[in-house]
Amino acid sequence: MTKLSVNINKIATLRNARGGNVPDLLKAASDIQSFGGQGITIHPRPDERHIRYQDARDLKKVVYTEFNIEGNPIPEFVDLVLDIKPDQVTLVPDAVDAITSNAGWNTAEHESFLSEVVSEFKRNGIRTSIFMDPVPSLIEKAADTGTDRIELYTESYAVEYAKGNKDEVRKYVEAAKKATEFGLGINAGHDLSLENLSFFVSEVPNVLEVSIGHALISEALYFGLENVIGMYLQKLVQ
């Protein structure tokens, strides 16, 4: 069964909008795990507009499933991850002013840099994953960096699925096959939802983990957080 890691950035966004500590990020992370969530994902950005660097440190004390920290490996982010030593770090090529992640790595262009970063994290016992577009040639280059996994960037799949075009998933099938060929584990995330998740994991082979935040938290406004966690876990049963 594919594991569900819940991205709690949006909970932090809501908290920061009002100030104070409502909703309580640490309680939310604890509740998500007690409801069956199999991991907690955060994506701190330099301006700390949602997850703060201190949140990352505080969450280390309450996450007992899998702790995944995503971000652009600028020096401050690298230092944070090395300090916390989460179970997994996911490298994302965010621009400083990006509203959300909008592209995977060009691993051909950045192979040397990524290799250095991956080596440092792995030397500290942290599993590494590289955020990737579904491009087999770039996934092959990702393997050359020494990374443990890739995370397939699924926005184009979600957009096309909503239009009724299920053929877009074929790109992800081929990308997953290439990753498996080179011994890479496969994660996936970005705009996956209750509507499109089941089809994705039924078609794309060997998906170990999905990271879902925006849709899950939005759906929880209607159905409740505990109910939504259970609904997602049902979608992942194959």
C-alpha atoms as a PDB file:
ATOM      1  CA  MET A   1       0.000   0.000   0.000  1.00  0.00           C
ATOM      2  CA  THR A   2       1.185   3.484  -0.880  1.00  0.00           C
ATOM      3  CA  LYS A   3       1.792   5.555   2.251  1.00  0.00           C
ATOM      4  CA  LEU A   4       0.035   8.857   2.913  1.00  0.00           C
ATOM      5  CA  SER A   5       2.156  11.768   4.133  1.00  0.00           C
ATOM      6  CA  VAL A   6       0.093  14.830   5.005  1.00  0.00           C
ATOM      7  CA  ASN A   7       1.516  18.247   4.205  1.00  0.00           C
ATOM      8  CA  ILE A   8       0.468  20.617   6.997  1.00  0.00           C
ATOM      9  CA  ASN A   9       1.624  23.893   5.428  1.00  0.00           C
ATOM     10  CA  LYS A  10      -1.972  25.104   5.032  1.00  0.00           C
ATOM     11  CA  ILE A  11      -2.644  24.642   8.736  1.00  0.00           C
ATOM     12  CA  ALA A  12       0.313  26.924   9.438  1.00  0.00           C
ATOM     13  CA  THR A  13      -0.998  29.414   6.871  1.00  0.00           C
ATOM     14  CA  LEU A  14      -4.301  29.640   8.718  1.00  0.00           C
ATOM     15  CA  ARG A  15      -2.549  30.059  12.062  1.00  0.00           C
ATOM     16  CA  ASN A  16      -0.281  32.808  10.738  1.00  0.00           C
ATOM     17  CA  ALA A  17      -3.199  34.714   9.210  1.00  0.00           C
ATOM     18  CA  ARG A  18      -4.523  35.550  12.677  1.00  0.00           C
ATOM     19  CA  GLY A  19      -1.426  35.278  14.856  1.00  0.00           C
ATOM     20  CA  GLY A  20      -1.281  33.273  18.042  1.00  0.00           C
ATOM     21  CA  ASN A  21      -1.430  29.489  17.992  1.00  0.00           C
ATOM     22  CA  VAL A  22      -4.854  28.635  16.588  1.00  0.00           C
ATOM     23  CA  PRO A  23      -4.992  26.173  14.943  1.00  0.00           C
ATOM     24  CA  ASP A  24      -2.294  24.395  16.940  1.00  0.00           C
ATOM     25  CA  LEU A  25       0.151  22.961  14.411  1.00  0.00           C
ATOM     26  CA  LEU A  26       1.662  20.404  16.781  1.00  0.00           C
ATOM     27  CA  LYS A  27      -1.750  19.113  17.856  1.00  0.00           C
ATOM     28  CA  ALA A  28      -2.801  18.879  14.217  1.00  0.00           C
ATOM     29  CA  ALA A  29       0.283  16.817  13.403  1.00  0.00           C
ATOM     30  CA  SER A  30      -0.389  14.539  16.377  1.00  0.00           C
ATOM     31  CA  ASP A  31      -4.058  14.155  15.426  1.00  0.00           C
ATOM     32  CA  ILE A  32      -3.266  13.384  11.787  1.00  0.00           C
ATOM     33  CA  GLN A  33      -1.013  10.551  12.900  1.00  0.00           C
ATOM     34  CA  SER A  34      -3.596   9.222  15.356  1.00  0.00           C
ATOM     35  CA  PHE A  35      -6.188   9.297  12.545  1.00  0.00           C
ATOM     36  CA  GLY A  36      -3.954   7.017  10.439  1.00  0.00           C
ATOM     37  CA  GLY A  37      -1.708   9.429   8.547  1.00  0.00           C
ATOM     38  CA  GLN A  38       1.580   7.671   7.859  1.00  0.00           C
ATOM     39  CA  GLY A  39       3.786  10.731   7.676  1.00  0.00           C
ATOM     40  CA  ILE A  40       3.966  14.491   8.136  1.00  0.00           C
ATOM     41  CA  THR A  41       5.384  16.727   5.407  1.00  0.00           C
ATOM     42  CA  ILE A  42       6.370  20.363   5.762  1.00  0.00           C
ATOM     43  CA  HIS A  43       7.839  22.794   3.255  1.00  0.00           C
ATOM     44  CA  PRO A  44       9.408  25.780   5.026  1.00  0.00           C
ATOM     45  CA  ARG A  45      10.254  28.716   2.804  1.00  0.00           C
ATOM     46  CA  PRO A  46      12.715  31.531   3.503  1.00  0.00           C
ATOM     47  CA  ASP A  47       9.969  34.087   4.259  1.00  0.00           C
ATOM     48  CA  GLU A  48       8.314  31.643   6.714  1.00  0.00           C
ATOM     49  CA  ARG A  49       4.895  32.583   5.364  1.00  0.00           C
ATOM     50  CA  HIS A  50       3.456  29.278   6.568  1.00  0.00           C
ATOM     51  CA  ILE A  51       5.797  26.760   8.200  1.00  0.00           C
ATOM     52  CA  ARG A  52       8.417  28.507  10.318  1.00  0.00           C
ATOM     53  CA  TYR A  53      11.866  27.095  10.894  1.00  0.00           C
ATOM     54  CA  GLN A  54      11.026  26.802  14.598  1.00  0.00           C
ATOM     55  CA  ASP A  55       7.938  24.779  13.661  1.00  0.00           C
ATOM     56  CA  ALA A  56      10.218  22.275  11.987  1.00  0.00           C
ATOM     57  CA  ARG A  57      12.246  21.907  15.165  1.00  0.00           C
ATOM     58  CA  ASP A  58       9.137  21.642  17.355  1.00  0.00           C
ATOM     59  CA  LEU A  59       7.510  19.048  15.082  1.00  0.00           C
ATOM     60  CA  LYS A  60      10.511  16.760  15.456  1.00  0.00           C
ATOM     61  CA  LYS A  61       9.285  16.146  19.019  1.00  0.00           C
ATOM     62  CA  VAL A  62       5.797  14.981  18.001  1.00  0.00           C
ATOM     63  CA  VAL A  63       6.208  13.249  14.637  1.00  0.00           C
ATOM     64  CA  TYR A  64       6.557   9.533  15.300  1.00  0.00           C
ATOM     65  CA  THR A  65       5.620   8.253  11.833  1.00  0.00           C
ATOM     66  CA  GLU A  66       7.742   9.649   8.984  1.00  0.00           C
ATOM     67  CA  PHE A  67       8.969  13.233   9.005  1.00  0.00           C
ATOM     68  CA  ASN A  68       9.568  14.657   5.527  1.00  0.00           C
ATOM     69  CA  ILE A  69      10.968  18.169   5.063  1.00  0.00           C
ATOM     70  CA  GLU A  70      10.763  19.685   1.576  1.00  0.00           C
ATOM     71  CA  GLY A  71      12.550  22.727   0.259  1.00  0.00           C
ATOM     72  CA  ASN A  72      15.137  24.390  -1.902  1.00  0.00           C
ATOM     73  CA  PRO A  73      18.564  23.421  -0.505  1.00  0.00           C
ATOM     74  CA  ILE A  74      19.795  26.930   0.185  1.00  0.00           C
ATOM     75  CA  PRO A  75      22.353  27.061   3.042  1.00  0.00           C
ATOM     76  CA  GLU A  76      19.750  27.929   5.702  1.00  0.00           C
ATOM     77  CA  PHE A  77      17.564  24.997   4.652  1.00  0.00           C
ATOM     78  CA  VAL A  78      20.484  22.577   4.594  1.00  0.00           C
ATOM     79  CA  ASP A  79      21.498  23.670   8.099  1.00  0.00           C
ATOM     80  CA  LEU A  80      17.921  23.217   9.340  1.00  0.00           C
ATOM     81  CA  VAL A  81      17.643  19.703   7.942  1.00  0.00           C
ATOM     82  CA  LEU A  82      21.024  18.653   9.280  1.00  0.00           C
ATOM     83  CA  ASP A  83      20.025  19.969  12.701  1.00  0.00           C
ATOM     84  CA  ILE A  84      16.687  18.129  12.772  1.00  0.00           C
ATOM     85  CA  LYS A  85      17.656  14.969  10.865  1.00  0.00           C
ATOM     86  CA  PRO A  86      14.176  14.051   9.597  1.00  0.00           C
ATOM     87  CA  ASP A  87      13.476  10.665   8.049  1.00  0.00           C
ATOM     88  CA  GLN A  88      13.426  12.174   4.562  1.00  0.00           C
ATOM     89  CA  VAL A  89      14.383  15.394   2.826  1.00  0.00           C
ATOM     90  CA  THR A  90      12.816  16.297  -0.524  1.00  0.00           C
ATOM     91  CA  LEU A  91      14.781  18.733  -2.663  1.00  0.00           C
ATOM     92  CA  VAL A  92      12.560  21.197  -4.545  1.00  0.00           C
ATOM     93  CA  PRO A  93      13.861  23.935  -6.889  1.00  0.00           C
ATOM     94  CA  ASP A  94      11.611  26.719  -5.578  1.00  0.00           C
ATOM     95  CA  ALA A  95      12.230  30.305  -6.492  1.00  0.00           C
ATOM     96  CA  VAL A  96      12.241  32.512  -3.386  1.00  0.00           C
ATOM     97  CA  ASP A  97       9.000  34.213  -4.481  1.00  0.00           C
ATOM     98  CA  ALA A  98       7.197  31.067  -5.695  1.00  0.00           C
ATOM     99  CA  ILE A  99       3.635  30.751  -4.384  1.00  0.00           C
ATOM    100  CA  THR A 100       3.936  26.976  -4.616  1.00  0.00           C
ATOM    101  CA  SER A 101       6.217  24.447  -6.257  1.00  0.00           C
ATOM    102  CA  ASN A 102       5.912  24.756 -10.029  1.00  0.00           C
ATOM    103  CA  ALA A 103       8.661  22.634 -11.636  1.00  0.00           C
ATOM    104  CA  GLY A 104      10.953  19.720 -11.023  1.00  0.00           C
ATOM    105  CA  TRP A 105      14.742  19.782 -11.132  1.00  0.00           C
ATOM    106  CA  ASN A 106      16.716  19.873 -14.346  1.00  0.00           C
ATOM    107  CA  THR A 107      19.027  17.147 -13.132  1.00  0.00           C
ATOM    108  CA  ALA A 108      21.222  17.348 -16.209  1.00  0.00           C
ATOM    109  CA  GLU A 109      22.018  21.008 -15.519  1.00  0.00           C
ATOM    110  CA  HIS A 110      22.266  20.689 -11.726  1.00  0.00           C
ATOM    111  CA  GLU A 111      23.724  17.198 -11.358  1.00  0.00           C
ATOM    112  CA  SER A 112      26.918  18.320  -9.650  1.00  0.00           C
ATOM    113  CA  PHE A 113      25.133  20.539  -7.139  1.00  0.00           C
ATOM    114  CA  LEU A 114      22.505  17.940  -6.335  1.00  0.00           C
ATOM    115  CA  SER A 115      25.112  15.211  -5.960  1.00  0.00           C
ATOM    116  CA  GLU A 116      26.913  17.294  -3.347  1.00  0.00           C
ATOM    117  CA  VAL A 117      23.735  18.036  -1.395  1.00  0.00           C
ATOM    118  CA  VAL A 118      22.466  14.459  -1.580  1.00  0.00           C
ATOM    119  CA  SER A 119      25.814  13.155  -0.370  1.00  0.00           C
ATOM    120  CA  GLU A 120      25.771  15.478   2.635  1.00  0.00           C
ATOM    121  CA  PHE A 121      22.279  14.453   3.695  1.00  0.00           C
ATOM    122  CA  LYS A 122      22.893  10.752   3.200  1.00  0.00           C
ATOM    123  CA  ARG A 123      26.124  10.996   5.151  1.00  0.00           C
ATOM    124  CA  ASN A 124      23.934  12.169   8.032  1.00  0.00           C
ATOM    125  CA  GLY A 125      21.514   9.279   7.713  1.00  0.00           C
ATOM    126  CA  ILE A 126      18.725  11.205   5.971  1.00  0.00           C
ATOM    127  CA  ARG A 127      16.893   9.581   3.057  1.00  0.00           C
ATOM    128  CA  THR A 128      16.852  11.894   0.024  1.00  0.00           C
ATOM    129  CA  SER A 129      14.264  12.512  -2.662  1.00  0.00           C
ATOM    130  CA  ILE A 130      14.434  14.854  -5.675  1.00  0.00           C
ATOM    131  CA  PHE A 131      11.299  16.609  -6.991  1.00  0.00           C
ATOM    132  CA  MET A 132      11.023  15.680 -10.674  1.00  0.00           C
ATOM    133  CA  ASP A 133       8.920  16.261 -13.759  1.00  0.00           C
ATOM    134  CA  PRO A 134       7.933  12.987 -15.479  1.00  0.00           C
ATOM    135  CA  VAL A 135      10.855  13.097 -17.927  1.00  0.00           C
ATOM    136  CA  PRO A 136      12.682   9.750 -18.174  1.00  0.00           C
ATOM    137  CA  SER A 137      15.983  11.215 -19.367  1.00  0.00           C
ATOM    138  CA  LEU A 138      16.141  13.553 -16.359  1.00  0.00           C
ATOM    139  CA  ILE A 139      15.169  10.753 -14.004  1.00  0.00           C
ATOM    140  CA  GLU A 140      18.128   8.775 -15.323  1.00  0.00           C
ATOM    141  CA  LYS A 141      20.354  11.754 -14.464  1.00  0.00           C
ATOM    142  CA  ALA A 142      18.737  11.924 -11.016  1.00  0.00           C
ATOM    143  CA  ALA A 143      20.013   8.416 -10.370  1.00  0.00           C
ATOM    144  CA  ASP A 144      23.531   9.682 -11.038  1.00  0.00           C
ATOM    145  CA  THR A 145      23.255  12.061  -8.059  1.00  0.00           C
ATOM    146  CA  GLY A 146      22.995   9.144  -5.634  1.00  0.00           C
ATOM    147  CA  THR A 147      19.493  10.076  -4.453  1.00  0.00           C
ATOM    148  CA  ASP A 148      17.356   7.399  -2.819  1.00  0.00           C
ATOM    149  CA  ARG A 149      14.064   8.478  -4.344  1.00  0.00           C
ATOM    150  CA  ILE A 150      12.355  10.904  -6.666  1.00  0.00           C
ATOM    151  CA  GLU A 151       9.045  12.673  -6.101  1.00  0.00           C
ATOM    152  CA  LEU A 152       7.005  12.933  -9.270  1.00  0.00           C
ATOM    153  CA  TYR A 153       5.490  16.411  -9.702  1.00  0.00           C
ATOM    154  CA  THR A 154       1.856  15.601 -10.486  1.00  0.00           C
ATOM    155  CA  GLU A 155       0.271  18.948 -11.351  1.00  0.00           C
ATOM    156  CA  SER A 156      -0.067  18.224 -15.073  1.00  0.00           C
ATOM    157  CA  TYR A 157      -1.715  14.889 -14.280  1.00  0.00           C
ATOM    158  CA  ALA A 158      -4.222  16.586 -11.961  1.00  0.00           C
ATOM    159  CA  VAL A 159      -5.030  19.337 -14.459  1.00  0.00           C
ATOM    160  CA  GLU A 160      -5.600  16.917 -17.331  1.00  0.00           C
ATOM    161  CA  TYR A 161      -7.543  14.446 -15.199  1.00  0.00           C
ATOM    162  CA  ALA A 162      -9.969  17.228 -14.271  1.00  0.00           C
ATOM    163  CA  LYS A 163     -10.532  17.790 -18.006  1.00  0.00           C
ATOM    164  CA  GLY A 164     -11.288  14.104 -18.532  1.00  0.00           C
ATOM    165  CA  ASN A 165      -7.905  13.348 -20.125  1.00  0.00           C
ATOM    166  CA  LYS A 166      -6.673  10.255 -18.336  1.00  0.00           C
ATOM    167  CA  ASP A 167      -3.954   9.652 -20.924  1.00  0.00           C
ATOM    168  CA  GLU A 168      -1.707  12.149 -19.141  1.00  0.00           C
ATOM    169  CA  VAL A 169      -0.983   9.437 -16.602  1.00  0.00           C
ATOM    170  CA  ARG A 170       1.045   7.548 -19.230  1.00  0.00           C
ATOM    171  CA  LYS A 171       3.904  10.042 -18.763  1.00  0.00           C
ATOM    172  CA  TYR A 172       4.017   9.103 -15.107  1.00  0.00           C
ATOM    173  CA  VAL A 173       3.867   5.394 -15.842  1.00  0.00           C
ATOM    174  CA  GLU A 174       6.937   5.683 -18.076  1.00  0.00           C
ATOM    175  CA  ALA A 175       8.722   7.908 -15.573  1.00  0.00           C
ATOM    176  CA  ALA A 176       8.058   5.408 -12.784  1.00  0.00           C
ATOM    177  CA  LYS A 177       9.334   2.543 -14.904  1.00  0.00           C
ATOM    178  CA  LYS A 178      12.534   4.477 -15.585  1.00  0.00           C
ATOM    179  CA  ALA A 179      12.975   5.243 -11.891  1.00  0.00           C
ATOM    180  CA  THR A 180      12.508   1.589 -10.988  1.00  0.00           C
ATOM    181  CA  GLU A 181      14.980   0.561 -13.684  1.00  0.00           C
ATOM    182  CA  PHE A 182      17.625   2.714 -11.977  1.00  0.00           C
ATOM    183  CA  GLY A 183      16.792   1.565  -8.477  1.00  0.00           C
ATOM    184  CA  LEU A 184      15.034   4.722  -7.332  1.00  0.00           C
ATOM    185  CA  GLY A 185      12.094   4.755  -4.937  1.00  0.00           C
ATOM    186  CA  ILE A 186       9.066   6.702  -6.138  1.00  0.00           C
ATOM    187  CA  ASN A 187       7.062   9.333  -4.271  1.00  0.00           C
ATOM    188  CA  ALA A 188       4.457  11.630  -5.813  1.00  0.00           C
ATOM    189  CA  GLY A 189       2.716  14.858  -4.979  1.00  0.00           C
ATOM    190  CA  HIS A 190       1.140  18.171  -5.986  1.00  0.00           C
ATOM    191  CA  ASP A 191      -2.590  18.618  -6.611  1.00  0.00           C
ATOM    192  CA  LEU A 192      -3.418  15.002  -5.872  1.00  0.00           C
ATOM    193  CA  SER A 193      -6.900  14.789  -4.333  1.00  0.00           C
ATOM    194  CA  LEU A 194      -9.721  12.447  -3.392  1.00  0.00           C
ATOM    195  CA  GLU A 195     -10.947  12.809  -6.968  1.00  0.00           C
ATOM    196  CA  ASN A 196      -7.796  11.788  -8.830  1.00  0.00           C
ATOM    197  CA  LEU A 197      -5.648   9.814  -6.389  1.00  0.00           C
ATOM    198  CA  SER A 198      -7.036   6.312  -6.783  1.00  0.00           C
ATOM    199  CA  PHE A 199      -6.585   6.267 -10.555  1.00  0.00           C
ATOM    200  CA  PHE A 200      -3.041   7.560 -10.270  1.00  0.00           C
ATOM    201  CA  VAL A 201      -1.831   4.913  -7.831  1.00  0.00           C
ATOM    202  CA  SER A 202      -3.662   2.161  -9.714  1.00  0.00           C
ATOM    203  CA  GLU A 203      -1.882   3.083 -12.961  1.00  0.00           C
ATOM    204  CA  VAL A 204       1.570   4.233 -11.873  1.00  0.00           C
ATOM    205  CA  PRO A 205       3.698   1.340 -10.599  1.00  0.00           C
ATOM    206  CA  ASN A 206       5.718   1.224  -7.389  1.00  0.00           C
ATOM    207  CA  VAL A 207       4.562   4.475  -5.780  1.00  0.00           C
ATOM    208  CA  LEU A 208       5.834   4.268  -2.214  1.00  0.00           C
ATOM    209  CA  GLU A 209       4.391   7.498  -0.836  1.00  0.00           C
ATOM    210  CA  VAL A 210       2.157  10.418  -1.761  1.00  0.00           C
ATOM    211  CA  SER A 211       2.438  13.811  -0.120  1.00  0.00           C
ATOM    212  CA  ILE A 212      -0.868  15.694  -0.055  1.00  0.00           C
ATOM    213  CA  GLY A 213      -1.651  19.003   1.581  1.00  0.00           C
ATOM    214  CA  HIS A 214      -3.768  21.654  -0.112  1.00  0.00           C
ATOM    215  CA  ALA A 215      -6.550  19.386  -1.333  1.00  0.00           C
ATOM    216  CA  LEU A 216      -6.657  17.310   1.849  1.00  0.00           C
ATOM    217  CA  ILE A 217      -6.887  20.308   4.175  1.00  0.00           C
ATOM    218  CA  SER A 218      -9.476  21.946   1.910  1.00  0.00           C
ATOM    219  CA  GLU A 219     -11.583  18.773   1.825  1.00  0.00           C
ATOM    220  CA  ALA A 220     -11.297  18.538   5.607  1.00  0.00           C
ATOM    221  CA  LEU A 221     -13.249  21.815   5.859  1.00  0.00           C
ATOM    222  CA  TYR A 222     -16.257  19.907   4.499  1.00  0.00           C
ATOM    223  CA  PHE A 223     -15.799  16.398   5.863  1.00  0.00           C
ATOM    224  CA  GLY A 224     -13.614  16.818   8.940  1.00  0.00           C
ATOM    225  CA  LEU A 225      -9.944  15.986   9.263  1.00  0.00           C
ATOM    226  CA  GLU A 226     -10.372  12.502  10.726  1.00  0.00           C
ATOM    227  CA  ASN A 227     -12.890  11.503   8.052  1.00  0.00           C
ATOM    228  CA  VAL A 228     -10.709  12.804   5.241  1.00  0.00           C
ATOM    229  CA  ILE A 229      -7.624  10.919   6.428  1.00  0.00           C
ATOM    230  CA  GLY A 230      -9.670   7.720   6.354  1.00  0.00           C
ATOM    231  CA  MET A 231     -11.041   8.559   2.907  1.00  0.00           C
ATOM    232  CA  TYR A 232      -7.542   9.037   1.526  1.00  0.00           C
ATOM    233  CA  LEU A 233      -6.307   5.788   3.033  1.00  0.00           C
ATOM    234  CA  GLN A 234      -9.170   3.977   1.302  1.00  0.00           C
ATOM    235  CA  LYS A 235      -8.148   5.511  -2.027  1.00  0.00           C
ATOM    236  CA  LEU A 236      -4.651   4.051  -1.562  1.00  0.00           C
ATOM    237  CA  VAL A 237      -5.815   0.459  -1.094  1.00  0.00           C
ATOM    238  CA  GLN A 238      -5.084  -1.476  -4.306  1.00  0.00           C
END
